C-alpha atoms as a PDB file:
ATOM      1  CA  MET A   1       0.956  30.709  32.914  1.00  0.00           C
ATOM      2  CA  SER A   2       2.299  27.263  33.846  1.00  0.00           C
ATOM      3  CA  ARG A   3      -1.180  25.818  33.310  1.00  0.00           C
ATOM      4  CA  THR A   4      -1.206  27.152  29.744  1.00  0.00           C
ATOM      5  CA  LEU A   5       2.230  25.692  29.068  1.00  0.00           C
ATOM      6  CA  LEU A   6       1.085  22.360  30.471  1.00  0.00           C
ATOM      7  CA  LEU A   7      -1.946  22.357  28.171  1.00  0.00           C
ATOM      8  CA  LEU A   8       0.198  23.352  25.212  1.00  0.00           C
ATOM      9  CA  PHE A   9       2.588  20.506  25.997  1.00  0.00           C
ATOM     10  CA  ALA A  10      -0.371  18.111  26.250  1.00  0.00           C
ATOM     11  CA  LEU A  11      -1.576  19.297  22.848  1.00  0.00           C
ATOM     12  CA  VAL A  12       1.788  18.677  21.205  1.00  0.00           C
ATOM     13  CA  ALA A  13       2.259  15.327  22.948  1.00  0.00           C
ATOM     14  CA  SER A  14      -1.206  14.112  21.990  1.00  0.00           C
ATOM     15  CA  PHE A  15      -0.600  15.128  18.399  1.00  0.00           C
ATOM     16  CA  THR A  16       2.523  12.984  18.372  1.00  0.00           C
ATOM     17  CA  PHE A  17       0.838   9.910  19.861  1.00  0.00           C
ATOM     18  CA  VAL A  18      -2.546  10.169  18.185  1.00  0.00           C
ATOM     19  CA  THR A  19      -1.267  10.700  14.657  1.00  0.00           C
ATOM     20  CA  ALA A  20       1.710   8.376  14.832  1.00  0.00           C
ATOM     21  CA  SER A  21       1.450   5.606  12.292  1.00  0.00           C
ATOM     22  CA  PRO A  22       3.749   2.652  11.825  1.00  0.00           C
ATOM     23  CA  ALA A  23       7.210   3.935  11.078  1.00  0.00           C
ATOM     24  CA  ALA A  24       8.281   2.610   7.758  1.00  0.00           C
ATOM     25  CA  ALA A  25      10.388   3.955   5.003  1.00  0.00           C
ATOM     26  CA  CYS A  26      10.750   2.176   1.726  1.00  0.00           C
ATOM     27  CA  SER A  27      14.388   1.545   0.974  1.00  0.00           C
ATOM     28  CA  CYS A  28      15.353  -0.800  -1.837  1.00  0.00           C
ATOM     29  CA  VAL A  29      18.677  -2.260  -2.856  1.00  0.00           C
ATOM     30  CA  ASP A  30      19.606  -1.148  -6.361  1.00  0.00           C
ATOM     31  CA  ASN A  31      18.155  -3.612  -8.807  1.00  0.00           C
ATOM     32  CA  ASP A  32      17.358  -3.707 -12.481  1.00  0.00           C
ATOM     33  CA  ILE A  33      14.672  -5.524 -14.432  1.00  0.00           C
ATOM     34  CA  PRO A  34      16.914  -8.363 -15.703  1.00  0.00           C
ATOM     35  CA  GLY A  35      18.218  -8.927 -12.153  1.00  0.00           C
ATOM     36  CA  SER A  36      14.720  -8.904 -10.691  1.00  0.00           C
ATOM     37  CA  ALA A  37      13.549 -11.305 -13.406  1.00  0.00           C
ATOM     38  CA  GLU A  38      16.324 -13.752 -12.505  1.00  0.00           C
ATOM     39  CA  LEU A  39      15.692 -13.418  -8.765  1.00  0.00           C
ATOM     40  CA  HIS A  40      11.921 -13.907  -8.521  1.00  0.00           C
ATOM     41  CA  PRO A  41      10.125 -17.250  -9.003  1.00  0.00           C
ATOM     42  CA  VAL A  42       7.130 -15.504 -10.606  1.00  0.00           C
ATOM     43  CA  VAL A  43       7.548 -13.177 -13.578  1.00  0.00           C
ATOM     44  CA  ALA A  44       4.370 -12.537 -15.527  1.00  0.00           C
ATOM     45  CA  ARG A  45       2.323  -9.938 -17.320  1.00  0.00           C
ATOM     46  CA  VAL A  46      -0.988  -9.874 -15.459  1.00  0.00           C
ATOM     47  CA  THR A  47      -4.276  -8.009 -15.416  1.00  0.00           C
ATOM     48  CA  VAL A  48      -5.584  -6.894 -12.032  1.00  0.00           C
ATOM     49  CA  GLU A  49      -9.103  -8.288 -11.562  1.00  0.00           C
ATOM     50  CA  ARG A  50      -9.842  -7.088  -8.040  1.00  0.00           C
ATOM     51  CA  ALA A  51      -8.262  -5.682  -4.908  1.00  0.00           C
ATOM     52  CA  GLU A  52      -9.168  -6.524  -1.332  1.00  0.00           C
ATOM     53  CA  HIS A  53      -7.837  -4.894   1.798  1.00  0.00           C
ATOM     54  CA  ASP A  54      -6.616  -7.361   4.406  1.00  0.00           C
ATOM     55  CA  GLY A  55      -6.818  -5.063   7.409  1.00  0.00           C
ATOM     56  CA  GLY A  56      -5.458  -7.563   9.897  1.00  0.00           C
ATOM     57  CA  ALA A  57      -2.214  -7.930   8.006  1.00  0.00           C
ATOM     58  CA  MET A  58      -2.221  -4.350   6.667  1.00  0.00           C
ATOM     59  CA  ASP A  59      -1.932  -5.738   3.153  1.00  0.00           C
ATOM     60  CA  VAL A  60      -3.699  -5.413  -0.152  1.00  0.00           C
ATOM     61  CA  VAL A  61      -4.484  -8.709  -1.849  1.00  0.00           C
ATOM     62  CA  TYR A  62      -4.803  -8.502  -5.626  1.00  0.00           C
ATOM     63  CA  THR A  63      -6.475 -11.168  -7.708  1.00  0.00           C
ATOM     64  CA  VAL A  64      -4.674 -11.186 -11.046  1.00  0.00           C
ATOM     65  CA  THR A  65      -5.103 -13.062 -14.308  1.00  0.00           C
ATOM     66  CA  PRO A  66      -1.883 -14.001 -16.106  1.00  0.00           C
ATOM     67  CA  ALA A  67      -1.667 -12.955 -19.759  1.00  0.00           C
ATOM     68  CA  HIS A  68       1.976 -13.901 -20.414  1.00  0.00           C
ATOM     69  CA  VAL A  69       4.290 -15.922 -18.151  1.00  0.00           C
ATOM     70  CA  TRP A  70       8.075 -16.076 -18.154  1.00  0.00           C
ATOM     71  CA  LYS A  71       8.470 -17.828 -14.768  1.00  0.00           C
ATOM     72  CA  GLY A  72       5.838 -19.705 -12.794  1.00  0.00           C
ATOM     73  CA  SER A  73       3.012 -22.005 -13.827  1.00  0.00           C
ATOM     74  CA  PHE A  74      -0.569 -20.756 -13.797  1.00  0.00           C
ATOM     75  CA  ASP A  75      -3.819 -22.080 -15.228  1.00  0.00           C
ATOM     76  CA  ALA A  76      -6.138 -19.724 -13.345  1.00  0.00           C
ATOM     77  CA  PRO A  77      -6.218 -16.288 -11.732  1.00  0.00           C
ATOM     78  CA  PHE A  78      -4.143 -16.153  -8.556  1.00  0.00           C
ATOM     79  CA  GLN A  79      -3.626 -13.836  -5.625  1.00  0.00           C
ATOM     80  CA  VAL A  80      -0.619 -11.711  -4.800  1.00  0.00           C
ATOM     81  CA  ARG A  81      -0.147  -9.744  -1.597  1.00  0.00           C
ATOM     82  CA  THR A  82       1.580  -6.385  -1.050  1.00  0.00           C
ATOM     83  CA  PRO A  83       1.825  -3.971   1.909  1.00  0.00           C
ATOM     84  CA  ASP A  84      -0.987  -1.404   1.897  1.00  0.00           C
ATOM     85  CA  GLN A  85       1.365   1.530   2.440  1.00  0.00           C
ATOM     86  CA  GLU A  86       3.837   2.971  -0.019  1.00  0.00           C
ATOM     87  CA  GLY A  87       6.130   3.783   2.917  1.00  0.00           C
ATOM     88  CA  ALA A  88       6.364   0.040   3.525  1.00  0.00           C
ATOM     89  CA  CYS A  89       7.267  -0.506  -0.145  1.00  0.00           C
ATOM     90  CA  GLY A  90       3.730  -1.584  -0.974  1.00  0.00           C
ATOM     91  CA  LEU A  91       1.811  -1.174  -4.206  1.00  0.00           C
ATOM     92  CA  PRO A  92      -1.604  -0.151  -2.822  1.00  0.00           C
ATOM     93  CA  SER A  93      -2.739   1.905  -5.807  1.00  0.00           C
ATOM     94  CA  LEU A  94      -3.224  -0.754  -8.483  1.00  0.00           C
ATOM     95  CA  ARG A  95      -6.781  -0.857  -9.824  1.00  0.00           C
ATOM     96  CA  ALA A  96      -8.966  -3.337 -11.664  1.00  0.00           C
ATOM     97  CA  GLY A  97      -7.989  -3.508 -15.305  1.00  0.00           C
ATOM     98  CA  ASP A  98      -4.378  -2.418 -14.753  1.00  0.00           C
ATOM     99  CA  ASP A  99      -1.856  -4.183 -17.001  1.00  0.00           C
ATOM    100  CA  VAL A 100       1.054  -5.053 -14.703  1.00  0.00           C
ATOM    101  CA  LEU A 101       4.483  -6.620 -15.086  1.00  0.00           C
ATOM    102  CA  LEU A 102       4.638  -8.737 -11.932  1.00  0.00           C
ATOM    103  CA  PHE A 103       7.795  -9.883 -10.169  1.00  0.00           C
ATOM    104  CA  ALA A 104       6.742 -11.923  -7.123  1.00  0.00           C
ATOM    105  CA  GLY A 105       8.186 -14.194  -4.504  1.00  0.00           C
ATOM    106  CA  GLY A 106       6.516 -17.047  -2.682  1.00  0.00           C
ATOM    107  CA  ASN A 107       4.783 -20.185  -3.883  1.00  0.00           C
ATOM    108  CA  PRO A 108       1.266 -21.599  -4.313  1.00  0.00           C
ATOM    109  CA  ALA A 109       1.222 -23.032  -0.785  1.00  0.00           C
ATOM    110  CA  SER A 110       2.283 -19.921   1.135  1.00  0.00           C
ATOM    111  CA  GLY A 111       1.030 -17.348  -1.356  1.00  0.00           C
ATOM    112  CA  TYR A 112       2.743 -14.819  -3.560  1.00  0.00           C
ATOM    113  CA  GLU A 113       4.099 -11.446  -2.470  1.00  0.00           C
ATOM    114  CA  THR A 114       5.363  -8.395  -4.308  1.00  0.00           C
ATOM    115  CA  ASN A 115       6.457  -4.845  -3.556  1.00  0.00           C
ATOM    116  CA  VAL A 116       8.080  -1.786  -5.075  1.00  0.00           C
ATOM    117  CA  CYS A 117      11.573  -3.216  -4.583  1.00  0.00           C
ATOM    118  CA  SER A 118      10.770  -6.239  -6.755  1.00  0.00           C
ATOM    119  CA  LEU A 119      10.193  -3.741  -9.600  1.00  0.00           C
ATOM    120  CA  THR A 120       6.565  -4.778 -10.166  1.00  0.00           C
ATOM    121  CA  GLN A 121       5.171  -2.005 -12.354  1.00  0.00           C
ATOM    122  CA  HIS A 122       2.659  -1.035 -14.988  1.00  0.00           C
ATOM    123  CA  VAL A 123       3.602  -2.658 -18.286  1.00  0.00           C
ATOM    124  CA  SER A 124       5.917  -0.807 -20.622  1.00  0.00           C
ATOM    125  CA  GLU A 125       7.283  -2.241 -23.836  1.00  0.00           C
ATOM    126  CA  GLU A 126      10.822  -1.446 -22.670  1.00  0.00           C
ATOM    127  CA  ALA A 127      10.371  -3.470 -19.459  1.00  0.00           C
ATOM    128  CA  VAL A 128       8.821  -6.394 -21.376  1.00  0.00           C
ATOM    129  CA  ALA A 129      11.761  -6.333 -23.797  1.00  0.00           C
ATOM    130  CA  GLN A 130      14.232  -6.458 -20.885  1.00  0.00           C
ATOM    131  CA  VAL A 131      12.426  -9.431 -19.299  1.00  0.00           C
ATOM    132  CA  THR A 132      12.305 -11.227 -22.650  1.00  0.00           C
ATOM    133  CA  ALA A 133      16.031 -10.605 -23.161  1.00  0.00           C
ATOM    134  CA  ALA A 134      16.783 -12.015 -19.693  1.00  0.00           C
ATOM    135  CA  LEU A 135      14.392 -14.994 -19.626  1.00  0.00           C
ATOM    136  CA  GLY A 136      13.435 -15.766 -23.206  1.00  0.00           C
ATOM    137  CA  ALA A 137      10.081 -15.455 -24.938  1.00  0.00           C
ATOM    138  CA  GLY A 138       7.854 -16.872 -22.204  1.00  0.00           C
ATOM    139  CA  GLU A 139       4.357 -18.048 -23.127  1.00  0.00           C
ATOM    140  CA  ALA A 140       0.690 -17.260 -22.837  1.00  0.00           C
ATOM    141  CA  PRO A 141      -0.802 -19.534 -20.164  1.00  0.00           C
ATOM    142  CA  GLU A 142      -3.633 -21.929 -20.944  1.00  0.00           C
ATOM    143  CA  LEU A 143      -6.296 -20.887 -18.452  1.00  0.00           C
ATOM    144  CA  ARG A 144      -8.929 -23.404 -17.391  1.00  0.00           C
ATOM    145  CA  ASP A 145     -12.452 -22.698 -18.628  1.00  0.00           C
ATOM    146  CA  ASP A 146     -13.753 -22.935 -15.063  1.00  0.00           C
ATOM    147  CA  ALA A 147     -11.053 -20.583 -13.759  1.00  0.00           C
ATOM    148  CA  THR A 148     -13.562 -17.877 -12.846  1.00  0.00           C
ATOM    149  CA  ASP A 149     -17.215 -17.881 -11.898  1.00  0.00           C
ATOM    150  CA  GLY A 150     -18.167 -15.152 -14.320  1.00  0.00           C
ATOM    151  CA  GLU A 151     -17.163 -11.597 -13.647  1.00  0.00           C
ATOM    152  CA  LEU A 152     -14.976 -11.042 -10.610  1.00  0.00           C
ATOM    153  CA  PRO A 153     -16.196  -8.266  -8.310  1.00  0.00           C
ATOM    154  CA  VAL A 154     -13.965  -5.259  -7.997  1.00  0.00           C
ATOM    155  CA  ASP A 155     -13.403  -3.753  -4.582  1.00  0.00           C
ATOM    156  CA  ASP A 156     -12.203  -0.207  -5.054  1.00  0.00           C
ATOM    157  CA  LEU A 157      -9.906   0.592  -2.194  1.00  0.00           C
ATOM    158  CA  GLU A 158     -10.514   3.828  -0.402  1.00  0.00           C
ATOM    159  CA  PRO A 159      -8.105   5.149   2.201  1.00  0.00           C
ATOM    160  CA  ASP A 160      -9.159   4.591   5.793  1.00  0.00           C
ATOM    161  CA  TYR A 161      -9.909   8.066   7.064  1.00  0.00           C
ATOM    162  CA  LEU A 162     -11.111   7.001  10.539  1.00  0.00           C
ATOM    163  CA  GLY A 163      -7.720   7.371  12.225  1.00  0.00           C
ATOM    164  CA  THR A 164      -7.125  10.744  10.618  1.00  0.00           C
ATOM    165  CA  THR A 165     -10.617  11.931  11.561  1.00  0.00           C
ATOM    166  CA  ILE A 166     -10.177  10.880  15.190  1.00  0.00           C
ATOM    167  CA  ALA A 167      -6.759  12.542  15.372  1.00  0.00           C
ATOM    168  CA  ALA A 168      -8.102  15.772  13.855  1.00  0.00           C
ATOM    169  CA  THR A 169     -11.054  15.806  16.265  1.00  0.00           C
ATOM    170  CA  VAL A 170      -8.856  15.258  19.320  1.00  0.00           C
ATOM    171  CA  LEU A 171      -6.469  17.964  18.159  1.00  0.00           C
ATOM    172  CA  ALA A 172      -9.310  20.411  17.509  1.00  0.00           C
ATOM    173  CA  VAL A 173     -10.712  19.833  21.003  1.00  0.00           C
ATOM    174  CA  LEU A 174      -7.299  20.224  22.625  1.00  0.00           C
ATOM    175  CA  LEU A 175      -6.583  23.352  20.609  1.00  0.00           C
ATOM    176  CA  GLY A 176      -9.946  24.746  21.687  1.00  0.00           C
ATOM    177  CA  VAL A 177      -9.131  24.056  25.343  1.00  0.00           C
ATOM    178  CA  VAL A 178      -5.718  25.709  25.035  1.00  0.00           C
ATOM    179  CA  LEU A 179      -7.153  28.768  23.295  1.00  0.00           C
ATOM    180  CA  TRP A 180      -9.957  28.990  25.846  1.00  0.00           C
ATOM    181  CA  GLN A 181      -7.383  28.872  28.655  1.00  0.00           C
ATOM    182  CA  ILE A 182      -5.244  31.545  27.002  1.00  0.00           C
ATOM    183  CA  PHE A 183      -8.139  33.933  26.411  1.00  0.00           C
ATOM    184  CA  THR A 184      -9.655  33.277  29.842  1.00  0.00           C
ATOM    185  CA  ARG A 185      -6.306  33.936  31.485  1.00  0.00           C
ATOM    186  CA  ARG A 186      -5.772  37.060  29.370  1.00  0.00           C
ATOM    187  CA  GLY A 187      -9.227  38.329  30.400  1.00  0.00           C
ATOM    188  CA  GLU A 188      -8.435  37.728  34.073  1.00  0.00           C
ATOM    189  CA  LEU A 189      -5.163  39.634  33.713  1.00  0.00           C
ATOM    190  CA  ARG A 190      -6.926  42.605  32.093  1.00  0.00           C
ATOM    191  CA  LYS A 191      -9.552  42.727  34.846  1.00  0.00           C
ATOM    192  CA  GLY A 192      -6.806  42.730  37.441  1.00  0.00           C
ATOM    193  CA  ARG A 193      -5.176  45.907  36.037  1.00  0.00           C
END
């Protein structure tokens, strides 16, 4: 019986270690749109052109085209980075064509960053009105004619299922071993009666 308990413990322990992902919980300080507009150096209405997964940094990098700018200076599409997990306050689910009200930190040299806490969101007329009330009318940027080389490719992000698949396979094998041990042991006990 101790062998079965040991295998059961191994199953539970492996589940914990194999499926553990980075511990992160999104927790934001209370903020409102006017406050976020004042705080961030980039406030713009943008269209998402493409999304690329930066696996090394566990980020999603969006290429966006500014349509209306309240803060910042842009004459071409630019990139903005966000964590690729919602638990890390990221915005990984934006898609090409999305109309987004962007609140971002950073600068052209180091790059721009945004997250859920900055209040970056899909455009709503109410949010645009609040930004306009806080910062003034803003303006439509004058984009350079050579700003893009034709149509930008769109990389649809799909979740990475490899880790989940490996964890499920390991768990299935361990569960099989535990069940085999239980039924083998039960059979031996019945024969011994």
